[in-house]
Amino acid sequence: MRALVIKTTSGLDRPEACNQAFTVAATAVAAGAEVSLWLTGEAAWFGLPGRAAELELEHAAPLADLLDAVLEGGRVTVCTQCAARRGITPDDVLPGVRIAGAAVFVEESLADGAQALVY
């Protein structure tokens, strides 16, 4: 199975796009794929404790549950520049969430057998 790298730039400003990215990531983890979920732009806030619970979307799984599923079986990254613009530090993020930059995203996306999706 290919690795799946998912980037979402959407947060509370675009709840459907954001929830779709998290849903695909959690579903891929459940299917046994190697998953890397990147939180960029307004999605960077969801790397902090309690913030995923702020997104409520009718007929969708709770974002906090989807995030937990990805953290259990995949990797979650907050973009370095996005974190810096929002004053988010490594001490602020949830356990298991890392902060990394574009070079790491490109490396993951260009790895043999990887598939990248952007929401």
Protein backbone atom coordinates (compact mmCIF):
# COMPACT_ATOMS: atom_id res chain seq x y z
CA MET A 1 0.00 0.00 0.00
CA ARG A 2 1.29 3.49 -0.85
CA ALA A 3 2.05 6.12 1.75
CA LEU A 4 -0.50 8.94 1.83
CA VAL A 5 0.54 12.52 2.54
CA ILE A 6 -2.41 14.84 3.15
CA LYS A 7 -2.16 18.60 3.55
CA THR A 8 -5.02 20.77 4.67
CA THR A 9 -4.92 24.55 4.67
CA SER A 10 -8.49 24.79 5.92
CA GLY A 11 -9.64 25.35 9.47
CA LEU A 12 -12.78 26.84 10.95
CA ASP A 13 -12.88 29.08 7.87
CA ARG A 14 -13.65 26.06 5.61
CA PRO A 15 -15.01 23.30 7.85
CA GLU A 16 -16.09 20.92 5.09
CA ALA A 17 -12.70 20.89 3.36
CA CYS A 18 -10.95 20.50 6.69
CA ASN A 19 -13.17 17.65 7.83
CA GLN A 20 -12.72 15.90 4.48
CA ALA A 21 -8.94 15.93 4.89
CA PHE A 22 -9.15 14.51 8.41
CA THR A 23 -11.74 11.91 7.33
CA VAL A 24 -9.55 10.70 4.47
CA ALA A 25 -6.50 10.59 6.75
CA ALA A 26 -8.32 8.61 9.47
CA THR A 27 -9.85 6.25 6.91
CA ALA A 28 -6.44 5.61 5.34
CA VAL A 29 -4.97 4.85 8.79
CA ALA A 30 -7.82 2.39 9.40
CA ALA A 31 -7.04 0.77 6.04
CA GLY A 32 -3.45 0.24 7.11
CA ALA A 33 -1.78 2.95 5.04
CA GLU A 34 1.19 4.95 6.21
CA VAL A 35 -0.37 8.40 6.72
CA SER A 36 1.15 11.82 7.22
CA LEU A 37 -1.34 14.63 7.87
CA TRP A 38 -0.02 18.19 7.48
CA LEU A 39 -1.84 21.05 9.18
CA THR A 40 -1.10 24.32 7.42
CA GLY A 41 -2.69 27.75 7.35
CA GLU A 42 -5.72 27.91 9.62
CA ALA A 43 -5.58 24.13 10.15
CA ALA A 44 -2.42 24.66 12.21
CA TRP A 45 -4.63 25.50 15.20
CA PHE A 46 -5.89 21.90 15.30
CA GLY A 47 -2.46 20.74 16.46
CA LEU A 48 -3.17 22.34 19.85
CA PRO A 49 -5.05 20.68 22.71
CA GLY A 50 -8.82 21.15 22.56
CA ARG A 51 -8.87 23.08 19.29
CA ALA A 52 -10.21 20.24 17.10
CA ALA A 53 -13.34 20.13 19.28
CA GLU A 54 -14.17 23.66 18.08
CA LEU A 55 -15.01 22.43 14.58
CA GLU A 56 -18.54 21.08 14.41
CA LEU A 57 -19.96 19.89 11.12
CA GLU A 58 -23.37 18.33 10.64
CA HIS A 59 -23.30 14.71 9.38
CA ALA A 60 -19.55 14.41 9.94
CA ALA A 61 -17.42 12.58 12.46
CA PRO A 62 -16.10 14.87 15.20
CA LEU A 63 -12.76 16.33 14.17
CA ALA A 64 -11.22 15.51 17.56
CA ASP A 65 -12.04 11.81 17.03
CA LEU A 66 -10.54 11.86 13.55
CA LEU A 67 -7.41 13.57 14.85
CA ASP A 68 -7.06 10.95 17.60
CA ALA A 69 -7.31 8.18 15.01
CA VAL A 70 -4.58 9.73 12.87
CA LEU A 71 -2.34 10.29 15.88
CA GLU A 72 -2.78 6.64 16.89
CA GLY A 73 -1.66 5.19 13.59
CA GLY A 74 -0.10 7.97 11.55
CA ARG A 75 1.85 11.19 11.81
CA VAL A 76 0.55 14.76 12.28
CA THR A 77 2.67 17.79 11.45
CA VAL A 78 2.08 21.52 11.85
CA CYS A 79 3.86 23.65 9.26
CA THR A 80 6.83 25.58 10.67
CA GLN A 81 5.95 28.93 9.07
CA CYS A 82 2.26 28.56 9.87
CA ALA A 83 3.10 27.81 13.50
CA ALA A 84 5.45 30.79 13.73
CA ARG A 85 2.85 33.17 12.28
CA ARG A 86 0.39 32.01 14.94
CA GLY A 87 2.84 31.95 17.85
CA ILE A 88 2.60 28.16 18.14
CA THR A 89 5.67 26.47 19.61
CA PRO A 90 6.62 22.79 20.03
CA ASP A 91 5.60 23.11 23.69
CA ASP A 92 2.07 24.10 22.64
CA VAL A 93 1.14 21.18 20.39
CA LEU A 94 -0.52 17.91 21.31
CA PRO A 95 1.67 14.94 22.22
CA GLY A 96 2.68 13.22 18.99
CA VAL A 97 2.32 16.35 16.84
CA ARG A 98 5.52 17.74 15.38
CA ILE A 99 6.39 21.04 13.75
CA ALA A 100 8.30 20.75 10.47
CA GLY A 101 8.83 22.69 7.27
CA ALA A 102 8.46 22.48 3.53
CA ALA A 103 11.59 20.40 3.01
CA VAL A 104 10.10 17.57 5.09
CA PHE A 105 6.75 17.86 3.28
CA VAL A 106 8.50 17.64 -0.10
CA GLU A 107 10.61 14.69 1.05
CA GLU A 108 7.51 12.78 2.20
CA SER A 109 5.53 13.68 -0.91
CA LEU A 110 8.28 12.63 -3.32
CA ALA A 111 9.10 9.35 -1.57
CA ASP A 112 8.77 6.23 -3.70
CA GLY A 113 5.18 5.08 -3.74
CA ALA A 114 3.79 8.15 -1.96
CA GLN A 115 0.56 9.86 -2.93
CA ALA A 116 -0.04 13.48 -1.89
CA LEU A 117 -3.46 15.12 -1.53
CA VAL A 118 -4.14 18.76 -0.71
CA TYR A 119 -7.40 20.08 0.75
